[in-house]
Amino acid sequence: MKLKLTSDRFFSQRRQFRRCWKFLQKMAVGMCLIITIWLASNTIAIISASSKPVDAFFVLGGSISREVYVAAQAKLHPEIPILISHGSPAPCIWLICQQQAVLLENVWLEECADSTFGNFYYSIPILRRWGVHKVKLITSPTHLPRAKWMAQILFGANGIWMEPEIIQEKGIPGNRESWLKTGLDVTRSLLWAPLSRIIQPQCLDVTKLADVDMNAWKSRGFKCERQGGI
């Protein structure tokens, strides 16, 4: 009798295991199908966006030369909004844009990021709210290839086509790349990419350039990189 009970329990557990295994197989097939459909639709969206005009300038902070460049571009394309992620001090950017007669209402400063990964982490949700499909990424050779690879991964995951614009820096670069840094940032970009479609981090420190209080800054004092020519 005990042997029969043991045998029945064994076959019952075996049937449960088979049911669980079949369920997991169906789940895996379903997930693969969902991922395949998402990749296909996302690829179509990116390819479609590649033929459209640029609808935002995105500046990675790190050199005032990048902000000087984007201000000159804004003068040629005043309809395109600009997002600068943790760039030069706000009054320095204000002076550069004023010098180029750039519309201050069209320039936004994001100050939450404290790393290159943070630049994308906080800025992509802003660009998505703007309805951006094609962005011009402005950075420098000292930021490559890390920034370009991260942009391709993270913008691509969000259906945004990216065009890099590489601006030569003057003087001693403030950033030095290493393959360890590149490997770590590319790895976490790959891990974050699928989640970035769902989770949209909100930066609470985003300022329109027109709202920068220059009188307060002048009384407080500020310094700008001399390469800015201001």
Foldseek 3Di string as FASTA:
>chain_A
DVVVVVVVVVVVVVVVVVVVVVVVVVVVVVVVVVVVVLLVVLVVLLVVLVPDDFQEEEEEAFACLLLLVVLLVCLVVVRHAYEYEQHWPLVLSLVSNVVSVHDLQRYKYFDPDDDLLSSLQACVLVCVVVVGAEYEYEEAPQCPDQSVLLCCLQCSLVSHHYHYDHGYHDDDGPHHDDVVVSVVSNVVSNVCRPVCNPDRDHGPDMDRSVPDDVVVCVVVDDDDPVVSVD
